[in-house]
Amino acid sequence: MNSRKDQLAAINRLLDIMDDLRVKCPWDRKQTLESLRHLTIEETYELADAILENDLSEIQKELGDVLLHIVFYAKIGSEKNAFDIADVANSICDKLIDRHPHIYGDVKVEDENDVKRNWEQLKLKEGKSSVLEGVPKSLPAVVKANRIQDKVAGVGFDWEQPEQVWEKVQEELAELNEEIAKGNQQNIEKEFGDVLFSMINYARFIGVNPENALEKTNKKFINRFQFLEKAAKKEGKQLSEMSLAEMDLYWEKSKALYK
């Protein structure tokens, strides 16, 4: 691993390159905070994919892309005389120190739950009107539900045992089935949302990240289905020409390969 001196030199090198690009490259010179936004979101998802694949080499590369964006935003901020990379770093350092009084102060904590509760209380003291104020509106729904539940739990609004949450899941499923029987589509949608919200809450109690779990299932399904497509192609068939029974034979084979 690199020394702290080498790490700082690498960051300084990146800052120098960013200065050059902003002056000499037509594409980099043209970029704005707004034009970079969707690219940053894309890079973040690519990093998330690499993490799920546990590909350390790819994680390193994607972290570099994300770091570049941070440096890029800071460079634009300095051009606007609003902030620079030092302001960005110092602001997060100050926040971390303020939010960790059990390390930089005299507050005592017993476990990570105490830390999370203190974190949310400190945010309210900083002027937040609600513990949910910091949940981005544009988050994907599954991630947002998980963050909402995690945040309210931080101030004590939570179930005590996983069994209680599972009972809630069963209750919501029963209500969904009632609305399905009635055929009221609007109510079906509402109850289905309640089931999902309850399942996401249960995931938190059993130590599962619902977004990661669902994405891993997505990847598993894609791998199995693509195996099915390749198997059909080898036989000179289109999937649309195969019966469900034929497809199921290959699907069972794919399950052995992609568990």
C-alpha atoms as a PDB file:
ATOM      1  CA  MET A   1       0.000   0.000   0.000  1.00  0.00           C
ATOM      2  CA  ASN A   2       1.070   3.578  -0.636  1.00  0.00           C
ATOM      3  CA  SER A   3       2.331   5.843   2.129  1.00  0.00           C
ATOM      4  CA  ARG A   4       0.316   8.881   3.204  1.00  0.00           C
ATOM      5  CA  LYS A   5       2.855  11.034   1.377  1.00  0.00           C
ATOM      6  CA  ASP A   6       2.304   9.098  -1.851  1.00  0.00           C
ATOM      7  CA  GLN A   7      -1.475   9.217  -1.388  1.00  0.00           C
ATOM      8  CA  LEU A   8      -1.431  13.008  -1.039  1.00  0.00           C
ATOM      9  CA  ALA A   9       0.905  13.295  -4.037  1.00  0.00           C
ATOM     10  CA  ALA A  10      -1.569  11.266  -6.134  1.00  0.00           C
ATOM     11  CA  ILE A  11      -4.446  13.565  -5.146  1.00  0.00           C
ATOM     12  CA  ASN A  12      -2.293  16.592  -5.965  1.00  0.00           C
ATOM     13  CA  ARG A  13      -1.493  15.042  -9.351  1.00  0.00           C
ATOM     14  CA  LEU A  14      -5.203  14.625 -10.070  1.00  0.00           C
ATOM     15  CA  LEU A  15      -5.853  18.262  -9.124  1.00  0.00           C
ATOM     16  CA  ASP A  16      -3.093  19.401 -11.497  1.00  0.00           C
ATOM     17  CA  ILE A  17      -4.503  17.275 -14.343  1.00  0.00           C
ATOM     18  CA  MET A  18      -7.977  18.687 -13.692  1.00  0.00           C
ATOM     19  CA  ASP A  19      -6.549  22.213 -13.971  1.00  0.00           C
ATOM     20  CA  ASP A  20      -4.973  21.297 -17.326  1.00  0.00           C
ATOM     21  CA  LEU A  21      -8.097  19.660 -18.706  1.00  0.00           C
ATOM     22  CA  ARG A  22     -10.308  22.576 -17.736  1.00  0.00           C
ATOM     23  CA  VAL A  23      -8.088  24.905 -19.772  1.00  0.00           C
ATOM     24  CA  LYS A  24      -6.908  22.755 -22.666  1.00  0.00           C
ATOM     25  CA  CYS A  25      -9.665  20.194 -23.419  1.00  0.00           C
ATOM     26  CA  PRO A  26     -12.760  21.469 -25.309  1.00  0.00           C
ATOM     27  CA  TRP A  27     -15.042  18.810 -23.756  1.00  0.00           C
ATOM     28  CA  ASP A  28     -13.866  19.332 -20.175  1.00  0.00           C
ATOM     29  CA  ARG A  29     -13.961  23.107 -20.590  1.00  0.00           C
ATOM     30  CA  LYS A  30     -17.600  22.926 -21.681  1.00  0.00           C
ATOM     31  CA  GLN A  31     -18.896  20.958 -18.684  1.00  0.00           C
ATOM     32  CA  THR A  32     -21.108  22.473 -15.967  1.00  0.00           C
ATOM     33  CA  LEU A  33     -22.472  21.236 -12.648  1.00  0.00           C
ATOM     34  CA  GLU A  34     -25.693  20.336 -14.430  1.00  0.00           C
ATOM     35  CA  SER A  35     -24.081  18.565 -17.395  1.00  0.00           C
ATOM     36  CA  LEU A  36     -22.030  16.343 -15.088  1.00  0.00           C
ATOM     37  CA  ARG A  37     -24.981  15.335 -12.909  1.00  0.00           C
ATOM     38  CA  HIS A  38     -26.325  12.420 -14.982  1.00  0.00           C
ATOM     39  CA  LEU A  39     -22.787  11.189 -15.638  1.00  0.00           C
ATOM     40  CA  THR A  40     -22.090  11.123 -11.902  1.00  0.00           C
ATOM     41  CA  ILE A  41     -25.230   9.074 -11.294  1.00  0.00           C
ATOM     42  CA  GLU A  42     -24.116   6.643 -14.020  1.00  0.00           C
ATOM     43  CA  GLU A  43     -20.627   6.324 -12.516  1.00  0.00           C
ATOM     44  CA  THR A  44     -22.128   5.684  -9.073  1.00  0.00           C
ATOM     45  CA  TYR A  45     -24.237   2.842 -10.433  1.00  0.00           C
ATOM     46  CA  GLU A  46     -21.191   1.368 -12.172  1.00  0.00           C
ATOM     47  CA  LEU A  47     -19.363   1.434  -8.832  1.00  0.00           C
ATOM     48  CA  ALA A  48     -22.366  -0.232  -7.185  1.00  0.00           C
ATOM     49  CA  ASP A  49     -22.289  -2.991  -9.829  1.00  0.00           C
ATOM     50  CA  ALA A  50     -18.579  -3.609  -9.249  1.00  0.00           C
ATOM     51  CA  ILE A  51     -19.192  -3.843  -5.495  1.00  0.00           C
ATOM     52  CA  LEU A  52     -21.944  -6.437  -5.980  1.00  0.00           C
ATOM     53  CA  GLU A  53     -19.622  -8.422  -8.248  1.00  0.00           C
ATOM     54  CA  ASN A  54     -16.891  -8.125  -5.593  1.00  0.00           C
ATOM     55  CA  ASP A  55     -14.497  -7.168  -8.393  1.00  0.00           C
ATOM     56  CA  LEU A  56     -11.797  -5.274  -6.491  1.00  0.00           C
ATOM     57  CA  SER A  57      -9.927  -4.241  -9.627  1.00  0.00           C
ATOM     58  CA  GLU A  58     -13.110  -2.790 -11.118  1.00  0.00           C
ATOM     59  CA  ILE A  59     -14.023  -1.128  -7.798  1.00  0.00           C
ATOM     60  CA  GLN A  60     -10.665   0.668  -7.876  1.00  0.00           C
ATOM     61  CA  LYS A  61     -11.332   1.935 -11.404  1.00  0.00           C
ATOM     62  CA  GLU A  62     -14.883   3.048 -10.629  1.00  0.00           C
ATOM     63  CA  LEU A  63     -13.780   4.809  -7.446  1.00  0.00           C
ATOM     64  CA  GLY A  64     -11.343   6.741  -9.626  1.00  0.00           C
ATOM     65  CA  ASP A  65     -14.189   7.810 -11.893  1.00  0.00           C
ATOM     66  CA  VAL A  66     -16.258   8.963  -8.914  1.00  0.00           C
ATOM     67  CA  LEU A  67     -13.257  10.789  -7.441  1.00  0.00           C
ATOM     68  CA  LEU A  68     -12.712  12.550 -10.751  1.00  0.00           C
ATOM     69  CA  HIS A  69     -16.271  13.848 -10.615  1.00  0.00           C
ATOM     70  CA  ILE A  70     -15.778  15.174  -7.082  1.00  0.00           C
ATOM     71  CA  VAL A  71     -12.620  16.990  -8.183  1.00  0.00           C
ATOM     72  CA  PHE A  72     -14.440  18.250 -11.288  1.00  0.00           C
ATOM     73  CA  TYR A  73     -17.316  19.715  -9.251  1.00  0.00           C
ATOM     74  CA  ALA A  74     -14.844  21.326  -6.855  1.00  0.00           C
ATOM     75  CA  LYS A  75     -12.953  22.871  -9.783  1.00  0.00           C
ATOM     76  CA  ILE A  76     -16.144  24.378 -11.182  1.00  0.00           C
ATOM     77  CA  GLY A  77     -17.030  25.596  -7.687  1.00  0.00           C
ATOM     78  CA  SER A  78     -13.659  27.375  -7.422  1.00  0.00           C
ATOM     79  CA  GLU A  79     -14.250  29.051 -10.782  1.00  0.00           C
ATOM     80  CA  LYS A  80     -17.497  30.414  -9.403  1.00  0.00           C
ATOM     81  CA  ASN A  81     -15.671  31.581  -6.248  1.00  0.00           C
ATOM     82  CA  ALA A  82     -18.109  29.420  -4.267  1.00  0.00           C
ATOM     83  CA  PHE A  83     -15.920  26.592  -2.906  1.00  0.00           C
ATOM     84  CA  ASP A  84     -12.866  24.511  -3.761  1.00  0.00           C
ATOM     85  CA  ILE A  85     -11.638  21.015  -2.919  1.00  0.00           C
ATOM     86  CA  ALA A  86     -10.254  22.193   0.439  1.00  0.00           C
ATOM     87  CA  ASP A  87     -13.689  23.568   1.405  1.00  0.00           C
ATOM     88  CA  VAL A  88     -15.284  20.268   0.384  1.00  0.00           C
ATOM     89  CA  ALA A  89     -12.811  18.229   2.443  1.00  0.00           C
ATOM     90  CA  ASN A  90     -12.923  20.528   5.457  1.00  0.00           C
ATOM     91  CA  SER A  91     -16.716  20.627   5.509  1.00  0.00           C
ATOM     92  CA  ILE A  92     -16.976  16.840   5.686  1.00  0.00           C
ATOM     93  CA  CYS A  93     -14.175  16.711   8.276  1.00  0.00           C
ATOM     94  CA  ASP A  94     -16.033  19.230  10.448  1.00  0.00           C
ATOM     95  CA  LYS A  95     -19.266  17.281  10.072  1.00  0.00           C
ATOM     96  CA  LEU A  96     -17.619  13.980  11.003  1.00  0.00           C
ATOM     97  CA  ILE A  97     -16.056  15.511  14.108  1.00  0.00           C
ATOM     98  CA  ASP A  98     -19.357  17.122  15.157  1.00  0.00           C
ATOM     99  CA  ARG A  99     -21.319  13.911  14.503  1.00  0.00           C
ATOM    100  CA  HIS A 100     -18.884  11.721  16.477  1.00  0.00           C
ATOM    101  CA  PRO A 101     -18.856  13.236  19.971  1.00  0.00           C
ATOM    102  CA  HIS A 102     -18.146   9.732  21.327  1.00  0.00           C
ATOM    103  CA  ILE A 103     -14.712  10.024  19.683  1.00  0.00           C
ATOM    104  CA  TYR A 104     -14.011  13.750  19.663  1.00  0.00           C
ATOM    105  CA  GLY A 105     -16.012  14.636  22.781  1.00  0.00           C
ATOM    106  CA  ASP A 106     -17.131  13.165  26.077  1.00  0.00           C
ATOM    107  CA  VAL A 107     -20.281  11.315  24.934  1.00  0.00           C
ATOM    108  CA  LYS A 108     -20.444   7.612  25.845  1.00  0.00           C
ATOM    109  CA  VAL A 109     -21.987   4.995  23.558  1.00  0.00           C
ATOM    110  CA  GLU A 110     -22.586   1.272  23.987  1.00  0.00           C
ATOM    111  CA  ASP A 111     -23.010   0.143  20.375  1.00  0.00           C
ATOM    112  CA  GLU A 112     -23.717   1.211  16.799  1.00  0.00           C
ATOM    113  CA  ASN A 113     -27.400   1.799  17.585  1.00  0.00           C
ATOM    114  CA  ASP A 114     -26.417   4.476  20.104  1.00  0.00           C
ATOM    115  CA  VAL A 115     -24.217   6.049  17.433  1.00  0.00           C
ATOM    116  CA  LYS A 116     -27.093   6.145  14.926  1.00  0.00           C
ATOM    117  CA  ARG A 117     -29.493   7.640  17.481  1.00  0.00           C
ATOM    118  CA  ASN A 118     -26.958  10.346  18.390  1.00  0.00           C
ATOM    119  CA  TRP A 119     -26.385  11.041  14.685  1.00  0.00           C
ATOM    120  CA  GLU A 120     -30.068  11.766  14.032  1.00  0.00           C
ATOM    121  CA  GLN A 121     -30.450  13.861  17.196  1.00  0.00           C
ATOM    122  CA  LEU A 122     -27.406  15.933  16.248  1.00  0.00           C
ATOM    123  CA  LYS A 123     -28.848  16.561  12.788  1.00  0.00           C
ATOM    124  CA  LEU A 124     -32.016  17.955  14.367  1.00  0.00           C
ATOM    125  CA  LYS A 125     -29.913  20.249  16.559  1.00  0.00           C
ATOM    126  CA  GLU A 126     -28.162  21.498  13.400  1.00  0.00           C
ATOM    127  CA  GLY A 127     -31.478  22.907  12.201  1.00  0.00           C
ATOM    128  CA  LYS A 128     -33.151  19.998  10.432  1.00  0.00           C
ATOM    129  CA  SER A 129     -36.907  20.125  10.940  1.00  0.00           C
ATOM    130  CA  SER A 130     -37.346  16.390  10.372  1.00  0.00           C
ATOM    131  CA  VAL A 131     -35.166  13.299  10.537  1.00  0.00           C
ATOM    132  CA  LEU A 132     -36.500  12.491   7.055  1.00  0.00           C
ATOM    133  CA  GLU A 133     -35.366  15.803   5.603  1.00  0.00           C
ATOM    134  CA  GLY A 134     -32.090  14.319   4.413  1.00  0.00           C
ATOM    135  CA  VAL A 135     -33.671  11.540   2.331  1.00  0.00           C
ATOM    136  CA  PRO A 136     -33.202  12.558  -1.340  1.00  0.00           C
ATOM    137  CA  LYS A 137     -36.488  12.758  -3.229  1.00  0.00           C
ATOM    138  CA  SER A 138     -34.975  11.207  -6.347  1.00  0.00           C
ATOM    139  CA  LEU A 139     -33.733   8.011  -4.671  1.00  0.00           C
ATOM    140  CA  PRO A 140     -35.044   4.754  -6.172  1.00  0.00           C
ATOM    141  CA  ALA A 141     -38.116   3.648  -4.219  1.00  0.00           C
ATOM    142  CA  VAL A 142     -36.534   0.564  -2.607  1.00  0.00           C
ATOM    143  CA  VAL A 143     -33.482   2.520  -1.444  1.00  0.00           C
ATOM    144  CA  LYS A 144     -35.689   5.376  -0.252  1.00  0.00           C
ATOM    145  CA  ALA A 145     -37.932   3.073   1.795  1.00  0.00           C
ATOM    146  CA  ASN A 146     -34.881   1.517   3.421  1.00  0.00           C
ATOM    147  CA  ARG A 147     -33.408   4.925   4.289  1.00  0.00           C
ATOM    148  CA  ILE A 148     -36.740   6.184   5.663  1.00  0.00           C
ATOM    149  CA  GLN A 149     -37.070   3.178   7.956  1.00  0.00           C
ATOM    150  CA  ASP A 150     -33.437   3.373   9.032  1.00  0.00           C
ATOM    151  CA  LYS A 151     -33.739   7.049   9.906  1.00  0.00           C
ATOM    152  CA  VAL A 152     -36.937   6.827  11.943  1.00  0.00           C
ATOM    153  CA  ALA A 153     -35.465   3.831  13.772  1.00  0.00           C
ATOM    154  CA  GLY A 154     -32.594   6.118  14.725  1.00  0.00           C
ATOM    155  CA  VAL A 155     -34.949   8.146  16.924  1.00  0.00           C
ATOM    156  CA  GLY A 156     -36.667   5.104  18.427  1.00  0.00           C
ATOM    157  CA  PHE A 157     -39.652   4.727  16.076  1.00  0.00           C
ATOM    158  CA  ASP A 158     -39.198   1.038  15.413  1.00  0.00           C
ATOM    159  CA  TRP A 159     -40.322  -2.499  16.108  1.00  0.00           C
ATOM    160  CA  GLU A 160     -38.626  -4.418  18.898  1.00  0.00           C
ATOM    161  CA  GLN A 161     -38.386  -7.913  17.391  1.00  0.00           C
ATOM    162  CA  PRO A 162     -38.158  -9.332  13.824  1.00  0.00           C
ATOM    163  CA  GLU A 163     -41.192 -11.517  14.591  1.00  0.00           C
ATOM    164  CA  GLN A 164     -43.331  -8.400  15.003  1.00  0.00           C
ATOM    165  CA  VAL A 165     -42.272  -7.137  11.594  1.00  0.00           C
ATOM    166  CA  TRP A 166     -42.989 -10.505   9.980  1.00  0.00           C
ATOM    167  CA  GLU A 167     -46.475 -10.434  11.496  1.00  0.00           C
ATOM    168  CA  LYS A 168     -46.930  -7.032   9.870  1.00  0.00           C
ATOM    169  CA  VAL A 169     -45.853  -8.489   6.519  1.00  0.00           C
ATOM    170  CA  GLN A 170     -48.474 -11.239   6.893  1.00  0.00           C
ATOM    171  CA  GLU A 171     -51.107  -8.655   7.827  1.00  0.00           C
ATOM    172  CA  GLU A 172     -50.291  -6.558   4.749  1.00  0.00           C
ATOM    173  CA  LEU A 173     -50.397  -9.655   2.508  1.00  0.00           C
ATOM    174  CA  ALA A 174     -53.857 -10.509   3.832  1.00  0.00           C
ATOM    175  CA  GLU A 175     -55.060  -6.962   3.111  1.00  0.00           C
ATOM    176  CA  LEU A 176     -53.613  -7.186  -0.403  1.00  0.00           C
ATOM    177  CA  ASN A 177     -55.443 -10.454  -1.039  1.00  0.00           C
ATOM    178  CA  GLU A 178     -58.699  -8.877   0.167  1.00  0.00           C
ATOM    179  CA  GLU A 179     -58.359  -6.034  -2.335  1.00  0.00           C
ATOM    180  CA  ILE A 180     -57.414  -8.446  -5.142  1.00  0.00           C
ATOM    181  CA  ALA A 181     -60.618 -10.369  -4.412  1.00  0.00           C
ATOM    182  CA  LYS A 182     -62.599  -7.109  -4.623  1.00  0.00           C
ATOM    183  CA  GLY A 183     -60.860  -6.138  -7.869  1.00  0.00           C
ATOM    184  CA  ASN A 184     -60.269  -2.499  -6.906  1.00  0.00           C
ATOM    185  CA  GLN A 185     -57.060  -1.713  -8.825  1.00  0.00           C
ATOM    186  CA  GLN A 186     -56.326   1.514  -6.981  1.00  0.00           C
ATOM    187  CA  ASN A 187     -56.530  -0.191  -3.587  1.00  0.00           C
ATOM    188  CA  ILE A 188     -54.553  -3.173  -4.882  1.00  0.00           C
ATOM    189  CA  GLU A 189     -51.708  -0.838  -5.781  1.00  0.00           C
ATOM    190  CA  LYS A 190     -51.796   0.779  -2.322  1.00  0.00           C
ATOM    191  CA  GLU A 191     -51.764  -2.562  -0.511  1.00  0.00           C
ATOM    192  CA  PHE A 192     -49.018  -3.902  -2.767  1.00  0.00           C
ATOM    193  CA  GLY A 193     -46.931  -0.873  -1.813  1.00  0.00           C
ATOM    194  CA  ASP A 194     -47.588  -1.615   1.859  1.00  0.00           C
ATOM    195  CA  VAL A 195     -46.402  -5.211   1.357  1.00  0.00           C
ATOM    196  CA  LEU A 196     -43.180  -4.019  -0.267  1.00  0.00           C
ATOM    197  CA  PHE A 197     -42.598  -1.437   2.459  1.00  0.00           C
ATOM    198  CA  SER A 198     -43.115  -4.099   5.143  1.00  0.00           C
ATOM    199  CA  MET A 199     -40.772  -6.550   3.402  1.00  0.00           C
ATOM    200  CA  ILE A 200     -38.084  -3.884   3.139  1.00  0.00           C
ATOM    201  CA  ASN A 201     -38.515  -3.200   6.839  1.00  0.00           C
ATOM    202  CA  TYR A 202     -38.226  -6.921   7.610  1.00  0.00           C
ATOM    203  CA  ALA A 203     -35.043  -7.090   5.535  1.00  0.00           C
ATOM    204  CA  ARG A 204     -33.486  -4.512   7.839  1.00  0.00           C
ATOM    205  CA  PHE A 205     -34.318  -6.653  10.884  1.00  0.00           C
ATOM    206  CA  ILE A 206     -32.728  -9.786   9.439  1.00  0.00           C
ATOM    207  CA  GLY A 207     -29.595  -7.981   8.265  1.00  0.00           C
ATOM    208  CA  VAL A 208     -30.344  -7.899   4.528  1.00  0.00           C
ATOM    209  CA  ASN A 209     -29.917  -4.881   2.275  1.00  0.00           C
ATOM    210  CA  PRO A 210     -33.064  -5.095   0.089  1.00  0.00           C
ATOM    211  CA  GLU A 211     -31.566  -3.186  -2.843  1.00  0.00           C
ATOM    212  CA  ASN A 212     -28.510  -5.457  -2.960  1.00  0.00           C
ATOM    213  CA  ALA A 213     -30.655  -8.570  -2.532  1.00  0.00           C
ATOM    214  CA  LEU A 214     -33.000  -7.612  -5.375  1.00  0.00           C
ATOM    215  CA  GLU A 215     -30.146  -6.625  -7.683  1.00  0.00           C
ATOM    216  CA  LYS A 216     -28.398  -9.950  -7.060  1.00  0.00           C
ATOM    217  CA  THR A 217     -31.627 -11.718  -7.963  1.00  0.00           C
ATOM    218  CA  ASN A 218     -31.874  -9.569 -11.118  1.00  0.00           C
ATOM    219  CA  LYS A 219     -28.353 -10.583 -12.115  1.00  0.00           C
ATOM    220  CA  LYS A 220     -29.068 -14.240 -11.368  1.00  0.00           C
ATOM    221  CA  PHE A 221     -32.222 -14.159 -13.506  1.00  0.00           C
ATOM    222  CA  ILE A 222     -30.378 -12.446 -16.374  1.00  0.00           C
ATOM    223  CA  ASN A 223     -27.619 -15.083 -16.312  1.00  0.00           C
ATOM    224  CA  ARG A 224     -30.136 -17.942 -16.268  1.00  0.00           C
ATOM    225  CA  PHE A 225     -32.257 -16.467 -19.031  1.00  0.00           C
ATOM    226  CA  GLN A 226     -29.235 -15.782 -21.245  1.00  0.00           C
ATOM    227  CA  PHE A 227     -28.171 -19.417 -20.725  1.00  0.00           C
ATOM    228  CA  LEU A 228     -31.634 -20.392 -21.929  1.00  0.00           C
ATOM    229  CA  GLU A 229     -31.261 -18.167 -25.002  1.00  0.00           C
ATOM    230  CA  LYS A 230     -27.862 -19.643 -25.862  1.00  0.00           C
ATOM    231  CA  ALA A 231     -29.163 -23.203 -25.435  1.00  0.00           C
ATOM    232  CA  ALA A 232     -32.050 -22.482 -27.793  1.00  0.00           C
ATOM    233  CA  LYS A 233     -29.703 -20.902 -30.330  1.00  0.00           C
ATOM    234  CA  LYS A 234     -27.486 -24.020 -30.310  1.00  0.00           C
ATOM    235  CA  GLU A 235     -30.524 -26.058 -31.311  1.00  0.00           C
ATOM    236  CA  GLY A 236     -31.348 -23.565 -34.034  1.00  0.00           C
ATOM    237  CA  LYS A 237     -34.547 -22.484 -32.299  1.00  0.00           C
ATOM    238  CA  GLN A 238     -36.125 -19.244 -31.193  1.00  0.00           C
ATOM    239  CA  LEU A 239     -37.470 -19.086 -27.643  1.00  0.00           C
ATOM    240  CA  SER A 240     -40.835 -18.134 -29.084  1.00  0.00           C
ATOM    241  CA  GLU A 241     -40.850 -21.479 -30.941  1.00  0.00           C
ATOM    242  CA  MET A 242     -40.177 -23.546 -27.809  1.00  0.00           C
ATOM    243  CA  SER A 243     -42.795 -24.843 -25.401  1.00  0.00           C
ATOM    244  CA  LEU A 244     -42.669 -23.885 -21.738  1.00  0.00           C
ATOM    245  CA  ALA A 245     -41.772 -27.492 -20.932  1.00  0.00           C
ATOM    246  CA  GLU A 246     -38.753 -27.327 -23.264  1.00  0.00           C
ATOM    247  CA  MET A 247     -37.629 -24.015 -21.832  1.00  0.00           C
ATOM    248  CA  ASP A 248     -38.051 -25.311 -18.302  1.00  0.00           C
ATOM    249  CA  LEU A 249     -35.555 -28.121 -18.965  1.00  0.00           C
ATOM    250  CA  TYR A 250     -32.842 -25.591 -19.797  1.00  0.00           C
ATOM    251  CA  TRP A 251     -33.961 -23.334 -16.969  1.00  0.00           C
ATOM    252  CA  GLU A 252     -33.339 -26.139 -14.480  1.00  0.00           C
ATOM    253  CA  LYS A 253     -29.870 -26.638 -15.954  1.00  0.00           C
ATOM    254  CA  SER A 254     -29.162 -22.923 -15.638  1.00  0.00           C
ATOM    255  CA  LYS A 255     -30.099 -23.005 -11.935  1.00  0.00           C
ATOM    256  CA  ALA A 256     -27.243 -25.430 -11.316  1.00  0.00           C
ATOM    257  CA  LEU A 257     -24.812 -22.976 -12.928  1.00  0.00           C
ATOM    258  CA  TYR A 258     -26.173 -19.737 -11.450  1.00  0.00           C
ATOM    259  CA  LYS A 259     -27.266 -20.287  -7.859  1.00  0.00           C
END
